[in-house]
């Protein structure tokens, strides 16, 4: 997802077919990932003039794992993973 974000920021994705090929994924998978990003409020659209996906407004993207205490401060939702050690 970080590579996708980087190429969108650079407005250097090319067509959906080229973008998927560059990422070595199917076009369907590319659209699923973009769909997830949109559900996370990424303002992504395809610009036919420059032939690239673009952000419609300036946004920041961060993806990763954080310490639980920091996650509670920075995010509305946190997930606990419980391990069965029996």
N, C-alpha and C. Protein backbone atom coordinates (compact mmCIF):
# COMPACT_ATOMS: atom_id res chain seq x y z
N UNK A 1 0.82 -1.19 0.00
CA UNK A 1 0.00 0.00 0.00
C UNK A 1 0.87 1.26 0.00
N UNK A 2 2.02 1.18 0.67
CA UNK A 2 2.91 2.35 0.69
C UNK A 2 3.43 2.67 -0.71
N UNK A 3 3.75 1.65 -1.50
CA UNK A 3 4.23 1.88 -2.87
C UNK A 3 3.11 2.50 -3.72
N UNK A 4 1.90 2.03 -3.54
CA UNK A 4 0.76 2.59 -4.26
C UNK A 4 0.59 4.06 -3.90
N UNK A 5 0.66 4.36 -2.60
CA UNK A 5 0.55 5.74 -2.14
C UNK A 5 1.64 6.61 -2.78
N UNK A 6 2.87 6.11 -2.79
CA UNK A 6 3.99 6.87 -3.35
C UNK A 6 3.76 7.20 -4.83
N UNK A 7 3.33 6.22 -5.60
CA UNK A 7 3.12 6.45 -7.03
C UNK A 7 1.93 7.38 -7.29
N UNK A 8 0.91 7.29 -6.45
CA UNK A 8 -0.22 8.21 -6.59
C UNK A 8 0.24 9.63 -6.28
N UNK A 9 1.03 9.80 -5.21
CA UNK A 9 1.55 11.13 -4.87
C UNK A 9 2.39 11.73 -6.00
N UNK A 10 3.16 10.88 -6.65
CA UNK A 10 4.00 11.34 -7.76
C UNK A 10 3.21 11.52 -9.06
N UNK A 11 1.93 11.12 -9.03
CA UNK A 11 1.07 11.13 -10.21
C UNK A 11 1.76 10.40 -11.36
N UNK A 12 2.29 9.22 -11.00
CA UNK A 12 3.08 8.43 -11.94
C UNK A 12 2.60 6.99 -12.03
N UNK A 13 1.28 6.78 -11.91
CA UNK A 13 0.77 5.41 -11.93
C UNK A 13 0.60 4.87 -13.34
N UNK A 14 0.35 5.75 -14.30
CA UNK A 14 0.01 5.29 -15.63
C UNK A 14 -1.42 4.77 -15.62
N UNK A 15 -1.78 4.06 -16.65
CA UNK A 15 -3.13 3.50 -16.75
C UNK A 15 -3.30 2.43 -15.67
N UNK A 16 -4.53 2.05 -15.36
CA UNK A 16 -4.73 0.97 -14.38
C UNK A 16 -3.99 -0.32 -14.78
N UNK A 17 -3.97 -0.63 -16.06
CA UNK A 17 -3.26 -1.82 -16.53
C UNK A 17 -1.76 -1.70 -16.27
N UNK A 18 -1.20 -0.53 -16.60
CA UNK A 18 0.24 -0.30 -16.39
C UNK A 18 0.57 -0.31 -14.90
N UNK A 19 -0.28 0.30 -14.10
CA UNK A 19 -0.07 0.37 -12.66
C UNK A 19 -0.06 -1.03 -12.06
N UNK A 20 -1.04 -1.83 -12.40
CA UNK A 20 -1.11 -3.21 -11.89
C UNK A 20 0.12 -4.01 -12.33
N UNK A 21 0.51 -3.84 -13.57
CA UNK A 21 1.68 -4.54 -14.10
C UNK A 21 2.95 -4.12 -13.35
N UNK A 22 3.10 -2.85 -13.11
CA UNK A 22 4.26 -2.33 -12.38
C UNK A 22 4.34 -2.92 -10.97
N UNK A 23 3.18 -3.12 -10.34
CA UNK A 23 3.12 -3.68 -8.99
C UNK A 23 3.12 -5.20 -9.00
N UNK A 24 3.06 -5.79 -10.19
CA UNK A 24 3.02 -7.24 -10.36
C UNK A 24 1.81 -7.87 -9.67
N UNK A 25 0.65 -7.21 -9.84
CA UNK A 25 -0.62 -7.72 -9.33
C UNK A 25 -1.65 -7.61 -10.44
N UNK A 26 -2.78 -8.25 -10.26
CA UNK A 26 -3.84 -8.15 -11.26
C UNK A 26 -4.54 -6.80 -11.15
N UNK A 27 -5.20 -6.41 -12.21
CA UNK A 27 -5.96 -5.17 -12.20
C UNK A 27 -7.09 -5.25 -11.17
N UNK A 28 -7.69 -6.42 -11.02
CA UNK A 28 -8.76 -6.60 -10.03
C UNK A 28 -8.23 -6.38 -8.62
N UNK A 29 -7.04 -6.92 -8.34
CA UNK A 29 -6.45 -6.73 -7.00
C UNK A 29 -6.12 -5.26 -6.78
N UNK A 30 -5.62 -4.58 -7.80
CA UNK A 30 -5.34 -3.15 -7.69
C UNK A 30 -6.60 -2.39 -7.30
N UNK A 31 -7.71 -2.68 -7.97
CA UNK A 31 -8.96 -1.99 -7.66
C UNK A 31 -9.47 -2.34 -6.26
N UNK A 32 -9.21 -3.56 -5.80
CA UNK A 32 -9.59 -3.91 -4.42
C UNK A 32 -8.78 -3.09 -3.42
N UNK A 33 -7.49 -2.95 -3.66
CA UNK A 33 -6.63 -2.17 -2.75
C UNK A 33 -7.06 -0.70 -2.77
N UNK A 34 -7.30 -0.15 -3.95
CA UNK A 34 -7.75 1.24 -4.04
C UNK A 34 -9.09 1.40 -3.33
N UNK A 35 -9.95 0.40 -3.44
CA UNK A 35 -11.23 0.43 -2.73
C UNK A 35 -11.04 0.49 -1.22
N UNK A 36 -10.10 -0.28 -0.71
CA UNK A 36 -9.81 -0.25 0.73
C UNK A 36 -9.29 1.13 1.12
N UNK A 37 -8.39 1.67 0.31
CA UNK A 37 -7.85 3.00 0.60
C UNK A 37 -8.97 4.05 0.61
N UNK A 38 -9.92 3.93 -0.32
CA UNK A 38 -11.05 4.87 -0.35
C UNK A 38 -11.92 4.72 0.89
N UNK A 39 -12.10 3.47 1.37
CA UNK A 39 -12.88 3.26 2.59
C UNK A 39 -12.18 3.88 3.80
N UNK A 40 -10.86 4.02 3.70
CA UNK A 40 -10.09 4.68 4.76
C UNK A 40 -10.00 6.19 4.51
N UNK A 41 -10.87 6.69 3.63
CA UNK A 41 -11.01 8.12 3.32
C UNK A 41 -9.92 8.70 2.43
N UNK A 42 -9.25 7.89 1.65
CA UNK A 42 -8.28 8.41 0.69
C UNK A 42 -9.06 8.99 -0.50
N UNK A 43 -8.85 10.27 -0.81
CA UNK A 43 -9.60 10.91 -1.91
C UNK A 43 -8.96 10.62 -3.27
N UNK A 44 -9.02 9.36 -3.69
CA UNK A 44 -8.36 8.92 -4.93
C UNK A 44 -9.33 9.00 -6.09
N UNK A 45 -8.81 9.50 -7.22
CA UNK A 45 -9.57 9.46 -8.47
C UNK A 45 -8.58 9.21 -9.60
N UNK A 46 -9.09 8.82 -10.74
CA UNK A 46 -8.24 8.64 -11.91
C UNK A 46 -8.35 9.87 -12.79
N UNK A 47 -7.22 10.46 -13.14
CA UNK A 47 -7.18 11.65 -13.99
C UNK A 47 -6.85 11.19 -15.41
N UNK A 48 -7.84 11.29 -16.30
CA UNK A 48 -7.67 10.81 -17.67
C UNK A 48 -6.71 11.68 -18.48
N UNK A 49 -6.55 12.93 -18.10
CA UNK A 49 -5.66 13.81 -18.86
C UNK A 49 -4.20 13.43 -18.64
N UNK A 50 -3.81 13.22 -17.39
CA UNK A 50 -2.41 12.86 -17.13
C UNK A 50 -2.21 11.34 -17.05
N UNK A 51 -3.30 10.60 -17.20
CA UNK A 51 -3.28 9.14 -17.16
C UNK A 51 -2.61 8.61 -15.89
N UNK A 52 -3.16 9.02 -14.75
CA UNK A 52 -2.63 8.58 -13.47
C UNK A 52 -3.71 8.69 -12.41
N UNK A 53 -3.65 7.80 -11.41
CA UNK A 53 -4.46 8.00 -10.22
C UNK A 53 -3.85 9.17 -9.46
N UNK A 54 -4.69 9.98 -8.84
CA UNK A 54 -4.22 11.16 -8.09
C UNK A 54 -5.04 11.29 -6.82
N UNK A 55 -4.49 12.04 -5.87
CA UNK A 55 -5.27 12.43 -4.70
C UNK A 55 -5.95 13.74 -5.03
N UNK A 56 -7.23 13.87 -4.72
CA UNK A 56 -7.99 15.09 -5.01
C UNK A 56 -7.64 16.22 -4.05
N UNK A 57 -7.03 15.89 -2.94
CA UNK A 57 -6.59 16.90 -1.97
C UNK A 57 -5.37 16.35 -1.25
N UNK A 58 -4.65 17.23 -0.57
CA UNK A 58 -3.45 16.80 0.16
C UNK A 58 -3.85 15.94 1.35
N UNK A 59 -3.23 14.76 1.44
CA UNK A 59 -3.51 13.85 2.55
C UNK A 59 -2.19 13.24 3.03
N UNK A 60 -2.22 12.71 4.24
CA UNK A 60 -1.08 11.98 4.78
C UNK A 60 -1.47 10.52 4.88
N UNK A 61 -0.50 9.63 4.70
CA UNK A 61 -0.76 8.20 4.77
C UNK A 61 0.25 7.58 5.72
N UNK A 62 -0.26 6.77 6.65
CA UNK A 62 0.60 6.05 7.58
C UNK A 62 0.01 4.67 7.77
N UNK A 63 0.86 3.66 7.68
CA UNK A 63 0.39 2.29 7.81
C UNK A 63 1.46 1.51 8.56
N UNK A 64 1.07 0.84 9.61
CA UNK A 64 2.04 0.05 10.35
C UNK A 64 1.49 -0.38 11.69
N UNK A 65 2.37 -0.95 12.49
CA UNK A 65 2.00 -1.40 13.82
C UNK A 65 2.64 -0.48 14.84
N UNK A 66 1.90 -0.20 15.90
CA UNK A 66 2.35 0.71 16.93
C UNK A 66 2.13 0.08 18.29
N UNK A 67 2.87 0.56 19.29
CA UNK A 67 2.66 0.07 20.65
C UNK A 67 1.22 0.33 21.05
N UNK A 68 0.66 -0.57 21.83
CA UNK A 68 -0.75 -0.49 22.20
C UNK A 68 -1.11 0.84 22.84
N UNK A 69 -0.28 1.36 23.75
CA UNK A 69 -0.58 2.63 24.41
C UNK A 69 -0.64 3.77 23.40
N UNK A 70 0.28 3.79 22.46
CA UNK A 70 0.28 4.83 21.42
C UNK A 70 -0.90 4.67 20.49
N UNK A 71 -1.28 3.45 20.20
CA UNK A 71 -2.41 3.20 19.29
C UNK A 71 -3.69 3.75 19.88
N UNK A 72 -3.88 3.63 21.17
CA UNK A 72 -5.09 4.14 21.80
C UNK A 72 -5.17 5.66 21.70
N UNK A 73 -4.03 6.31 21.75
CA UNK A 73 -4.02 7.78 21.64
C UNK A 73 -4.21 8.25 20.21
N UNK A 74 -3.70 7.47 19.26
CA UNK A 74 -3.66 7.93 17.87
C UNK A 74 -4.81 7.42 17.00
N UNK A 75 -5.52 6.40 17.45
CA UNK A 75 -6.53 5.81 16.60
C UNK A 75 -7.83 5.61 17.37
N UNK A 76 -8.93 5.68 16.64
CA UNK A 76 -10.24 5.45 17.25
C UNK A 76 -10.47 3.99 17.57
N UNK A 77 -9.89 3.10 16.83
CA UNK A 77 -10.11 1.68 17.00
C UNK A 77 -8.78 0.97 17.20
N UNK A 78 -8.72 0.09 18.19
CA UNK A 78 -7.54 -0.76 18.36
C UNK A 78 -8.01 -2.19 18.47
N UNK A 79 -7.17 -3.10 18.05
CA UNK A 79 -7.51 -4.51 18.07
C UNK A 79 -6.55 -5.24 18.98
N UNK A 80 -7.08 -6.06 19.86
CA UNK A 80 -6.28 -6.90 20.72
C UNK A 80 -6.19 -8.28 20.10
N UNK A 81 -5.00 -8.82 20.03
CA UNK A 81 -4.81 -10.18 19.53
C UNK A 81 -4.50 -11.04 20.73
N UNK A 82 -5.34 -12.04 20.99
CA UNK A 82 -5.13 -12.94 22.12
C UNK A 82 -4.62 -14.26 21.61
N UNK A 83 -3.64 -14.79 22.29
CA UNK A 83 -3.03 -16.04 21.88
C UNK A 83 -3.47 -17.14 22.84
N UNK A 84 -3.85 -18.27 22.30
CA UNK A 84 -4.22 -19.42 23.11
C UNK A 84 -2.95 -20.20 23.40
N UNK A 85 -2.56 -20.26 24.66
CA UNK A 85 -1.32 -20.95 25.03
C UNK A 85 -1.58 -22.25 25.77
N UNK A 86 -2.71 -22.90 25.51
CA UNK A 86 -3.01 -24.15 26.22
C UNK A 86 -2.34 -25.34 25.58
